[in-house]
Amino acid sequence: MALNDSERVDVEKDREDRISALPKNVIDGILELLPVEDAARTSILSKNWRYIWVMLPNLVLNKLFCNKLAARSQYVFKDNVDKILLQHSGDIVKFVLDLSEIVLSPYPDIDRWMIYITRNGVKELTLNMSNNTTYNLPSYIFNCPTLTHLELLSCVFKPPTPFLGFPNLVILRLEKITFVPTTEFGVINAPLLVRLTLIYCNGTKYLNIVSSRLNSLVVRKSYYDIELSCFMNCKNLIILYLVTSNPIFGDRSKLQKLLLSLPILEVLILSSSFLEVQFHKGFLLHSTACGI
């Protein structure tokens, strides 16, 4: 049976009300599952949805999103990211920017985006610069007190002077990072840091980071000696994974002192051209000595 005009209006109003009446957490959950560009399109669904997407706390500009826009032009890509950030309202809890297949040089646009998110309370930051290996991390990333999770790929890590550390950082993952010495090289304090991962990094001897709460330390294929002594006060370390192609354990005394200083260590994996050891929950599983 066909609906008359008044009945059709009532049905449309009912549909509008049903969409508008959804709880905010439900709407947020729906938008969280959508790519940023699709989340923006939901603004036409109803008047109550019009500005919800601009208040999303998590902005994930992943590889697919970035590549799609950059394929049109770098201007289109930069312009869209600018618009997303300029229209955003409220704190940014999580920000992901994956430029692993895009070359951007010079970097004033990236610097500007980093300024914006650090000023808006970002807690979780992932920055993948795999195609831009000369990007120097700006000082405002180091000086962002709200950071709890930081994941960086292919950047130059040079803390500003002075640098007080990361007061709230819990997880730090660094891949293909180049560490450079500072004029006042010292210990980086990260009192809440629980997990530290270094993969394919250069100049790790210039990273001297301390956290009494650290329970997982992973160093994989990183070059130049890592300063093991700075981890001797990490009494809560449960997992220690040190794997490199360099003979970083040439000075066995430092390694021995480190292991003896870890009272609750459960998982130990050591591997280099001089030593390979796997240790789990108090039992030596595998040990191979080479070139000794």
C-alpha atoms as a PDB file:
ATOM      1  CA  MET A   1       0.000   0.000   0.000  1.00  0.00           C
ATOM      2  CA  ALA A   2       1.419   3.367  -1.029  1.00  0.00           C
ATOM      3  CA  LEU A   3       2.081   5.957   1.676  1.00  0.00           C
ATOM      4  CA  ASN A   4       0.567   9.401   1.427  1.00  0.00           C
ATOM      5  CA  ASP A   5       2.733  12.487   1.892  1.00  0.00           C
ATOM      6  CA  SER A   6       2.034  12.922   5.606  1.00  0.00           C
ATOM      7  CA  GLU A   7       2.759   9.264   6.358  1.00  0.00           C
ATOM      8  CA  ARG A   8       5.983   9.443   4.366  1.00  0.00           C
ATOM      9  CA  VAL A   9       7.118  12.466   6.386  1.00  0.00           C
ATOM     10  CA  ASP A  10       6.351  10.628   9.646  1.00  0.00           C
ATOM     11  CA  VAL A  11       8.418   7.619   8.510  1.00  0.00           C
ATOM     12  CA  GLU A  12      11.340   9.837   7.524  1.00  0.00           C
ATOM     13  CA  LYS A  13      11.170  11.630  10.881  1.00  0.00           C
ATOM     14  CA  ASP A  14      11.144   8.279  12.656  1.00  0.00           C
ATOM     15  CA  ARG A  15      14.228   7.200  10.749  1.00  0.00           C
ATOM     16  CA  GLU A  16      15.942  10.476  11.601  1.00  0.00           C
ATOM     17  CA  ASP A  17      15.029  10.090  15.269  1.00  0.00           C
ATOM     18  CA  ARG A  18      16.332   6.532  15.423  1.00  0.00           C
ATOM     19  CA  ILE A  19      19.697   7.584  14.023  1.00  0.00           C
ATOM     20  CA  SER A  20      19.886  10.692  16.181  1.00  0.00           C
ATOM     21  CA  ALA A  21      18.880   8.804  19.320  1.00  0.00           C
ATOM     22  CA  LEU A  22      21.797   6.377  19.223  1.00  0.00           C
ATOM     23  CA  PRO A  23      23.963   6.673  22.354  1.00  0.00           C
ATOM     24  CA  LYS A  24      27.149   8.677  21.862  1.00  0.00           C
ATOM     25  CA  ASN A  25      29.377   5.717  22.705  1.00  0.00           C
ATOM     26  CA  VAL A  26      27.626   3.654  20.009  1.00  0.00           C
ATOM     27  CA  ILE A  27      28.098   6.397  17.425  1.00  0.00           C
ATOM     28  CA  ASP A  28      31.739   6.820  18.435  1.00  0.00           C
ATOM     29  CA  GLY A  29      32.238   3.067  18.153  1.00  0.00           C
ATOM     30  CA  ILE A  30      30.798   3.042  14.640  1.00  0.00           C
ATOM     31  CA  LEU A  31      32.971   5.931  13.494  1.00  0.00           C
ATOM     32  CA  GLU A  32      36.088   4.396  15.047  1.00  0.00           C
ATOM     33  CA  LEU A  33      35.712   1.451  12.669  1.00  0.00           C
ATOM     34  CA  LEU A  34      35.578   3.649   9.573  1.00  0.00           C
ATOM     35  CA  PRO A  35      38.433   5.212   7.601  1.00  0.00           C
ATOM     36  CA  VAL A  36      38.713   8.948   8.200  1.00  0.00           C
ATOM     37  CA  GLU A  37      37.195   9.908   4.842  1.00  0.00           C
ATOM     38  CA  ASP A  38      34.187   7.615   5.418  1.00  0.00           C
ATOM     39  CA  ALA A  39      33.738   8.953   8.946  1.00  0.00           C
ATOM     40  CA  ALA A  40      33.572  12.463   7.481  1.00  0.00           C
ATOM     41  CA  ARG A  41      30.808  11.386   5.086  1.00  0.00           C
ATOM     42  CA  THR A  42      28.565  10.359   7.999  1.00  0.00           C
ATOM     43  CA  SER A  43      27.975  14.053   8.680  1.00  0.00           C
ATOM     44  CA  ILE A  44      25.097  13.923   6.164  1.00  0.00           C
ATOM     45  CA  LEU A  45      23.223  11.140   7.991  1.00  0.00           C
ATOM     46  CA  SER A  46      21.485  13.402  10.466  1.00  0.00           C
ATOM     47  CA  LYS A  47      21.874  16.762  12.154  1.00  0.00           C
ATOM     48  CA  ASN A  48      23.209  15.124  15.309  1.00  0.00           C
ATOM     49  CA  TRP A  49      25.932  13.363  13.328  1.00  0.00           C
ATOM     50  CA  ARG A  50      27.023  16.484  11.477  1.00  0.00           C
ATOM     51  CA  TYR A  51      29.961  17.362  13.690  1.00  0.00           C
ATOM     52  CA  ILE A  52      30.592  14.118  15.538  1.00  0.00           C
ATOM     53  CA  TRP A  53      33.392  12.969  13.247  1.00  0.00           C
ATOM     54  CA  VAL A  54      35.415  16.124  13.940  1.00  0.00           C
ATOM     55  CA  MET A  55      35.481  15.186  17.638  1.00  0.00           C
ATOM     56  CA  LEU A  56      36.859  11.679  17.123  1.00  0.00           C
ATOM     57  CA  PRO A  57      39.734  11.162  19.572  1.00  0.00           C
ATOM     58  CA  ASN A  58      41.575   8.733  17.270  1.00  0.00           C
ATOM     59  CA  LEU A  59      42.875   9.934  13.904  1.00  0.00           C
ATOM     60  CA  VAL A  60      44.380   7.060  11.922  1.00  0.00           C
ATOM     61  CA  LEU A  61      45.912   8.235   8.643  1.00  0.00           C
ATOM     62  CA  ASN A  62      47.175   4.828   7.580  1.00  0.00           C
ATOM     63  CA  LYS A  63      49.117   3.763   4.501  1.00  0.00           C
ATOM     64  CA  LEU A  64      45.991   3.202   2.410  1.00  0.00           C
ATOM     65  CA  PHE A  65      44.592   6.639   3.249  1.00  0.00           C
ATOM     66  CA  CYS A  66      47.880   8.464   2.615  1.00  0.00           C
ATOM     67  CA  ASN A  67      48.707   6.607  -0.604  1.00  0.00           C
ATOM     68  CA  LYS A  68      45.229   7.186  -2.011  1.00  0.00           C
ATOM     69  CA  LEU A  69      45.469  10.956  -1.574  1.00  0.00           C
ATOM     70  CA  ALA A  70      49.141  11.238  -2.547  1.00  0.00           C
ATOM     71  CA  ALA A  71      48.411   9.361  -5.789  1.00  0.00           C
ATOM     72  CA  ARG A  72      46.396  12.398  -6.875  1.00  0.00           C
ATOM     73  CA  SER A  73      49.079  14.882  -5.846  1.00  0.00           C
ATOM     74  CA  GLN A  74      51.123  15.900  -2.835  1.00  0.00           C
ATOM     75  CA  TYR A  75      49.093  19.089  -2.661  1.00  0.00           C
ATOM     76  CA  VAL A  76      45.845  17.112  -2.365  1.00  0.00           C
ATOM     77  CA  PHE A  77      47.370  14.939   0.351  1.00  0.00           C
ATOM     78  CA  LYS A  78      48.702  17.854   2.408  1.00  0.00           C
ATOM     79  CA  ASP A  79      45.515  19.867   1.931  1.00  0.00           C
ATOM     80  CA  ASN A  80      43.326  17.012   3.173  1.00  0.00           C
ATOM     81  CA  VAL A  81      45.462  16.400   6.259  1.00  0.00           C
ATOM     82  CA  ASP A  82      45.387  20.133   6.991  1.00  0.00           C
ATOM     83  CA  LYS A  83      41.594  20.180   6.732  1.00  0.00           C
ATOM     84  CA  ILE A  84      41.202  17.135   8.991  1.00  0.00           C
ATOM     85  CA  LEU A  85      43.316  18.726  11.705  1.00  0.00           C
ATOM     86  CA  LEU A  86      41.881  22.236  11.336  1.00  0.00           C
ATOM     87  CA  GLN A  87      38.316  20.950  11.601  1.00  0.00           C
ATOM     88  CA  HIS A  88      39.083  18.690  14.536  1.00  0.00           C
ATOM     89  CA  SER A  89      37.612  19.648  17.880  1.00  0.00           C
ATOM     90  CA  GLY A  90      38.779  18.399  21.263  1.00  0.00           C
ATOM     91  CA  ASP A  91      41.712  16.292  22.371  1.00  0.00           C
ATOM     92  CA  ILE A  92      43.510  13.881  20.073  1.00  0.00           C
ATOM     93  CA  VAL A  93      44.148  10.663  21.978  1.00  0.00           C
ATOM     94  CA  LYS A  94      45.688   8.676  19.126  1.00  0.00           C
ATOM     95  CA  PHE A  95      47.370   9.874  15.935  1.00  0.00           C
ATOM     96  CA  VAL A  96      48.802   7.613  13.243  1.00  0.00           C
ATOM     97  CA  LEU A  97      50.589   8.966  10.173  1.00  0.00           C
ATOM     98  CA  ASP A  98      51.996   6.361   7.779  1.00  0.00           C
ATOM     99  CA  LEU A  99      54.199   7.923   5.100  1.00  0.00           C
ATOM    100  CA  SER A 100      56.104   4.717   4.409  1.00  0.00           C
ATOM    101  CA  GLU A 101      55.443   4.960   0.669  1.00  0.00           C
ATOM    102  CA  ILE A 102      55.372   8.736   0.271  1.00  0.00           C
ATOM    103  CA  VAL A 103      58.331  11.087  -0.083  1.00  0.00           C
ATOM    104  CA  LEU A 104      57.786  14.496   1.497  1.00  0.00           C
ATOM    105  CA  SER A 105      60.688  16.921   1.543  1.00  0.00           C
ATOM    106  CA  PRO A 106      61.235  19.417   3.045  1.00  0.00           C
ATOM    107  CA  TYR A 107      59.111  18.756   6.114  1.00  0.00           C
ATOM    108  CA  PRO A 108      57.341  21.969   7.245  1.00  0.00           C
ATOM    109  CA  ASP A 109      53.934  20.329   6.791  1.00  0.00           C
ATOM    110  CA  ILE A 110      54.820  17.360   9.001  1.00  0.00           C
ATOM    111  CA  ASP A 111      56.314  19.680  11.599  1.00  0.00           C
ATOM    112  CA  ARG A 112      53.107  21.718  11.598  1.00  0.00           C
ATOM    113  CA  TRP A 113      50.977  18.596  12.073  1.00  0.00           C
ATOM    114  CA  MET A 114      53.194  17.451  14.941  1.00  0.00           C
ATOM    115  CA  ILE A 115      52.822  20.840  16.628  1.00  0.00           C
ATOM    116  CA  TYR A 116      49.046  20.595  16.381  1.00  0.00           C
ATOM    117  CA  ILE A 117      48.686  17.106  17.842  1.00  0.00           C
ATOM    118  CA  THR A 118      51.161  17.694  20.678  1.00  0.00           C
ATOM    119  CA  ARG A 119      49.220  20.819  21.635  1.00  0.00           C
ATOM    120  CA  ASN A 120      45.990  18.841  21.677  1.00  0.00           C
ATOM    121  CA  GLY A 121      46.882  16.239  24.271  1.00  0.00           C
ATOM    122  CA  VAL A 122      48.022  13.361  22.044  1.00  0.00           C
ATOM    123  CA  LYS A 123      48.694  10.197  24.053  1.00  0.00           C
ATOM    124  CA  GLU A 124      49.480   7.630  21.368  1.00  0.00           C
ATOM    125  CA  LEU A 125      51.622   8.680  18.418  1.00  0.00           C
ATOM    126  CA  THR A 126      52.767   6.504  15.513  1.00  0.00           C
ATOM    127  CA  LEU A 127      54.891   8.135  12.827  1.00  0.00           C
ATOM    128  CA  ASN A 128      56.206   6.033   9.935  1.00  0.00           C
ATOM    129  CA  MET A 129      58.739   7.910   7.808  1.00  0.00           C
ATOM    130  CA  SER A 130      60.249   4.891   6.061  1.00  0.00           C
ATOM    131  CA  ASN A 131      60.578   6.781   2.775  1.00  0.00           C
ATOM    132  CA  ASN A 132      61.888   9.931   4.468  1.00  0.00           C
ATOM    133  CA  THR A 133      64.982   8.845   6.357  1.00  0.00           C
ATOM    134  CA  THR A 134      66.341  12.302   7.148  1.00  0.00           C
ATOM    135  CA  TYR A 135      63.378  13.524   9.183  1.00  0.00           C
ATOM    136  CA  ASN A 136      64.579  14.996  12.464  1.00  0.00           C
ATOM    137  CA  LEU A 137      62.086  14.645  15.273  1.00  0.00           C
ATOM    138  CA  PRO A 138      61.033  18.127  16.364  1.00  0.00           C
ATOM    139  CA  SER A 139      61.509  19.212  19.961  1.00  0.00           C
ATOM    140  CA  TYR A 140      57.769  19.381  20.656  1.00  0.00           C
ATOM    141  CA  ILE A 141      57.505  15.588  20.375  1.00  0.00           C
ATOM    142  CA  PHE A 142      60.161  15.181  23.049  1.00  0.00           C
ATOM    143  CA  ASN A 143      58.513  17.846  25.185  1.00  0.00           C
ATOM    144  CA  CYS A 144      54.971  16.466  24.931  1.00  0.00           C
ATOM    145  CA  PRO A 145      54.015  15.499  28.513  1.00  0.00           C
ATOM    146  CA  THR A 146      50.839  13.608  27.547  1.00  0.00           C
ATOM    147  CA  LEU A 147      52.544  10.883  25.474  1.00  0.00           C
ATOM    148  CA  THR A 148      51.992   7.344  26.772  1.00  0.00           C
ATOM    149  CA  HIS A 149      52.697   5.358  23.577  1.00  0.00           C
ATOM    150  CA  LEU A 150      55.304   6.408  21.022  1.00  0.00           C
ATOM    151  CA  GLU A 151      56.154   4.440  17.881  1.00  0.00           C
ATOM    152  CA  LEU A 152      58.641   5.911  15.411  1.00  0.00           C
ATOM    153  CA  LEU A 153      60.032   4.525  12.167  1.00  0.00           C
ATOM    154  CA  SER A 154      62.928   5.994  10.170  1.00  0.00           C
ATOM    155  CA  CYS A 155      63.580   9.232  12.031  1.00  0.00           C
ATOM    156  CA  VAL A 156      66.578  10.992  13.545  1.00  0.00           C
ATOM    157  CA  PHE A 157      66.380  10.919  17.346  1.00  0.00           C
ATOM    158  CA  LYS A 158      68.137  13.895  18.897  1.00  0.00           C
ATOM    159  CA  PRO A 159      66.605  15.162  22.148  1.00  0.00           C
ATOM    160  CA  PRO A 160      66.623  18.922  22.708  1.00  0.00           C
ATOM    161  CA  THR A 161      68.782  20.550  25.342  1.00  0.00           C
ATOM    162  CA  PRO A 162      67.718  20.504  28.080  1.00  0.00           C
ATOM    163  CA  PHE A 163      65.492  17.443  27.985  1.00  0.00           C
ATOM    164  CA  LEU A 164      63.742  16.216  31.125  1.00  0.00           C
ATOM    165  CA  GLY A 165      62.490  12.918  29.687  1.00  0.00           C
ATOM    166  CA  PHE A 166      59.108  11.334  29.011  1.00  0.00           C
ATOM    167  CA  PRO A 167      57.114  11.621  32.270  1.00  0.00           C
ATOM    168  CA  ASN A 168      54.122   9.493  31.188  1.00  0.00           C
ATOM    169  CA  LEU A 169      55.509   7.253  28.455  1.00  0.00           C
ATOM    170  CA  VAL A 170      54.569   3.572  28.908  1.00  0.00           C
ATOM    171  CA  ILE A 171      55.511   2.023  25.548  1.00  0.00           C
ATOM    172  CA  LEU A 172      58.352   3.125  23.265  1.00  0.00           C
ATOM    173  CA  ARG A 173      58.989   1.354  19.952  1.00  0.00           C
ATOM    174  CA  LEU A 174      61.756   2.644  17.690  1.00  0.00           C
ATOM    175  CA  GLU A 175      62.573   1.115  14.310  1.00  0.00           C
ATOM    176  CA  LYS A 176      65.289   2.237  11.882  1.00  0.00           C
ATOM    177  CA  ILE A 177      66.020   5.194  14.117  1.00  0.00           C
ATOM    178  CA  THR A 178      69.335   7.040  14.071  1.00  0.00           C
ATOM    179  CA  PHE A 179      70.447   8.277  17.478  1.00  0.00           C
ATOM    180  CA  VAL A 180      72.849  11.210  17.577  1.00  0.00           C
ATOM    181  CA  PRO A 181      74.703  12.620  20.588  1.00  0.00           C
ATOM    182  CA  THR A 182      73.646  15.911  22.131  1.00  0.00           C
ATOM    183  CA  THR A 183      75.864  18.601  23.617  1.00  0.00           C
ATOM    184  CA  GLU A 184      74.651  17.623  27.080  1.00  0.00           C
ATOM    185  CA  PHE A 185      74.254  13.885  26.625  1.00  0.00           C
ATOM    186  CA  GLY A 186      72.695  12.332  29.690  1.00  0.00           C
ATOM    187  CA  VAL A 187      70.115   9.912  30.987  1.00  0.00           C
ATOM    188  CA  ILE A 188      66.583  10.081  29.586  1.00  0.00           C
ATOM    189  CA  ASN A 189      64.130   9.593  32.427  1.00  0.00           C
ATOM    190  CA  ALA A 190      60.975   7.647  31.652  1.00  0.00           C
ATOM    191  CA  PRO A 191      59.647   6.623  35.086  1.00  0.00           C
ATOM    192  CA  LEU A 192      56.519   4.845  33.769  1.00  0.00           C
ATOM    193  CA  LEU A 193      58.117   3.075  30.790  1.00  0.00           C
ATOM    194  CA  VAL A 194      57.182  -0.616  30.730  1.00  0.00           C
ATOM    195  CA  ARG A 195      58.155  -1.726  27.232  1.00  0.00           C
ATOM    196  CA  LEU A 196      61.142  -0.616  25.134  1.00  0.00           C
ATOM    197  CA  THR A 197      61.760  -2.005  21.632  1.00  0.00           C
ATOM    198  CA  LEU A 198      64.672  -1.081  19.350  1.00  0.00           C
ATOM    199  CA  ILE A 199      64.796  -2.613  15.856  1.00  0.00           C
ATOM    200  CA  TYR A 200      67.421  -1.917  13.187  1.00  0.00           C
ATOM    201  CA  CYS A 201      68.560   1.244  14.933  1.00  0.00           C
ATOM    202  CA  ASN A 202      71.879   3.051  14.539  1.00  0.00           C
ATOM    203  CA  GLY A 203      73.875   4.703  17.297  1.00  0.00           C
ATOM    204  CA  THR A 204      72.092   2.968  20.168  1.00  0.00           C
ATOM    205  CA  LYS A 205      75.055   3.772  22.405  1.00  0.00           C
ATOM    206  CA  TYR A 206      73.689   7.328  22.475  1.00  0.00           C
ATOM    207  CA  LEU A 207      70.385   6.151  23.947  1.00  0.00           C
ATOM    208  CA  ASN A 208      70.646   6.119  27.704  1.00  0.00           C
ATOM    209  CA  ILE A 209      67.141   5.635  29.037  1.00  0.00           C
ATOM    210  CA  VAL A 210      66.155   4.644  32.552  1.00  0.00           C
ATOM    211  CA  SER A 211      62.913   3.269  33.979  1.00  0.00           C
ATOM    212  CA  SER A 212      62.521   1.278  37.175  1.00  0.00           C
ATOM    213  CA  ARG A 213      59.233  -0.163  35.850  1.00  0.00           C
ATOM    214  CA  LEU A 214      60.631  -1.569  32.603  1.00  0.00           C
ATOM    215  CA  ASN A 215      59.575  -5.225  32.199  1.00  0.00           C
ATOM    216  CA  SER A 216      60.326  -5.817  28.503  1.00  0.00           C
ATOM    217  CA  LEU A 217      63.484  -4.850  26.612  1.00  0.00           C
ATOM    218  CA  VAL A 218      63.884  -5.893  22.977  1.00  0.00           C
ATOM    219  CA  VAL A 219      66.953  -4.917  20.951  1.00  0.00           C
ATOM    220  CA  ARG A 220      67.071  -6.462  17.497  1.00  0.00           C
ATOM    221  CA  LYS A 221      69.646  -5.894  14.770  1.00  0.00           C
ATOM    222  CA  SER A 222      70.701  -2.549  16.187  1.00  0.00           C
ATOM    223  CA  TYR A 223      74.204  -1.349  15.535  1.00  0.00           C
ATOM    224  CA  TYR A 224      76.913  -0.031  17.830  1.00  0.00           C
ATOM    225  CA  ASP A 225      77.076  -0.944  21.471  1.00  0.00           C
ATOM    226  CA  ILE A 226      73.976  -0.341  23.494  1.00  0.00           C
ATOM    227  CA  GLU A 227      74.753   0.920  26.961  1.00  0.00           C
ATOM    228  CA  LEU A 228      73.757  -2.078  29.062  1.00  0.00           C
ATOM    229  CA  SER A 229      74.658  -0.456  32.367  1.00  0.00           C
ATOM    230  CA  CYS A 230      71.676   1.907  32.186  1.00  0.00           C
ATOM    231  CA  PHE A 231      69.355  -1.107  32.536  1.00  0.00           C
ATOM    232  CA  MET A 232      70.940  -2.511  35.693  1.00  0.00           C
ATOM    233  CA  ASN A 233      68.386  -0.759  37.873  1.00  0.00           C
ATOM    234  CA  CYS A 234      65.470  -2.263  35.955  1.00  0.00           C
ATOM    235  CA  LYS A 235      64.630  -4.763  38.681  1.00  0.00           C
ATOM    236  CA  ASN A 236      61.213  -5.511  37.176  1.00  0.00           C
ATOM    237  CA  LEU A 237      62.578  -6.711  33.835  1.00  0.00           C
ATOM    238  CA  ILE A 238      60.866  -9.961  32.845  1.00  0.00           C
ATOM    239  CA  ILE A 239      61.731 -10.198  29.141  1.00  0.00           C
ATOM    240  CA  LEU A 240      65.199  -9.489  27.718  1.00  0.00           C
ATOM    241  CA  TYR A 241      65.751  -9.977  23.988  1.00  0.00           C
ATOM    242  CA  LEU A 242      69.144  -8.933  22.597  1.00  0.00           C
ATOM    243  CA  VAL A 243      69.818 -10.034  19.029  1.00  0.00           C
ATOM    244  CA  THR A 244      72.400  -8.414  16.756  1.00  0.00           C
ATOM    245  CA  SER A 245      74.839  -9.285  13.999  1.00  0.00           C
ATOM    246  CA  ASN A 246      77.563  -7.383  15.841  1.00  0.00           C
ATOM    247  CA  PRO A 247      79.640  -8.859  18.701  1.00  0.00           C
ATOM    248  CA  ILE A 248      78.047  -6.493  21.202  1.00  0.00           C
ATOM    249  CA  PHE A 249      78.630  -8.979  23.992  1.00  0.00           C
ATOM    250  CA  GLY A 250      82.397  -8.921  23.518  1.00  0.00           C
ATOM    251  CA  ASP A 251      82.671  -7.477  26.996  1.00  0.00           C
ATOM    252  CA  ARG A 252      81.092 -10.399  28.825  1.00  0.00           C
ATOM    253  CA  SER A 253      81.487  -8.708  32.195  1.00  0.00           C
ATOM    254  CA  LYS A 254      78.888  -6.035  31.356  1.00  0.00           C
ATOM    255  CA  LEU A 255      76.438  -8.649  30.175  1.00  0.00           C
ATOM    256  CA  GLN A 256      77.058 -10.768  33.240  1.00  0.00           C
ATOM    257  CA  LYS A 257      76.520  -7.812  35.566  1.00  0.00           C
ATOM    258  CA  LEU A 258      73.284  -6.973  33.805  1.00  0.00           C
ATOM    259  CA  LEU A 259      71.924 -10.509  34.089  1.00  0.00           C
ATOM    260  CA  LEU A 260      72.870 -10.742  37.747  1.00  0.00           C
ATOM    261  CA  SER A 261      71.025  -7.486  38.419  1.00  0.00           C
ATOM    262  CA  LEU A 262      67.686  -8.823  37.108  1.00  0.00           C
ATOM    263  CA  PRO A 263      66.096 -10.857  39.933  1.00  0.00           C
ATOM    264  CA  ILE A 264      62.768 -11.742  38.262  1.00  0.00           C
ATOM    265  CA  LEU A 265      63.877 -12.283  34.660  1.00  0.00           C
ATOM    266  CA  GLU A 266      61.758 -15.011  33.028  1.00  0.00           C
ATOM    267  CA  VAL A 267      62.574 -14.889  29.312  1.00  0.00           C
ATOM    268  CA  LEU A 268      66.098 -14.339  27.980  1.00  0.00           C
ATOM    269  CA  ILE A 269      67.184 -14.475  24.341  1.00  0.00           C
ATOM    270  CA  LEU A 270      70.739 -13.463  23.437  1.00  0.00           C
ATOM    271  CA  SER A 271      72.275 -13.773  20.008  1.00  0.00           C
ATOM    272  CA  SER A 272      75.336 -12.310  18.297  1.00  0.00           C
ATOM    273  CA  SER A 273      78.321 -13.538  16.337  1.00  0.00           C
ATOM    274  CA  PHE A 274      79.841 -14.515  19.684  1.00  0.00           C
ATOM    275  CA  LEU A 275      76.924 -15.889  21.625  1.00  0.00           C
ATOM    276  CA  GLU A 276      73.470 -17.348  21.254  1.00  0.00           C
ATOM    277  CA  VAL A 277      71.421 -18.176  24.311  1.00  0.00           C
ATOM    278  CA  GLN A 278      67.750 -18.788  24.956  1.00  0.00           C
ATOM    279  CA  PHE A 279      66.486 -18.861  28.501  1.00  0.00           C
ATOM    280  CA  HIS A 280      62.936 -19.262  29.726  1.00  0.00           C
ATOM    281  CA  LYS A 281      61.560 -19.338  33.271  1.00  0.00           C
ATOM    282  CA  GLY A 282      64.741 -20.401  34.948  1.00  0.00           C
ATOM    283  CA  PHE A 283      65.782 -23.050  32.418  1.00  0.00           C
ATOM    284  CA  LEU A 284      68.510 -22.752  29.812  1.00  0.00           C
ATOM    285  CA  LEU A 285      66.914 -23.992  26.597  1.00  0.00           C
ATOM    286  CA  HIS A 286      69.646 -23.453  24.068  1.00  0.00           C
ATOM    287  CA  SER A 287      73.205 -22.168  24.111  1.00  0.00           C
ATOM    288  CA  THR A 288      75.711 -21.863  21.286  1.00  0.00           C
ATOM    289  CA  ALA A 289      79.094 -20.195  21.532  1.00  0.00           C
ATOM    290  CA  CYS A 290      80.846 -19.133  18.333  1.00  0.00           C
ATOM    291  CA  GLY A 291      84.259 -17.649  17.716  1.00  0.00           C
ATOM    292  CA  ILE A 292      85.369 -18.043  21.311  1.00  0.00           C
END
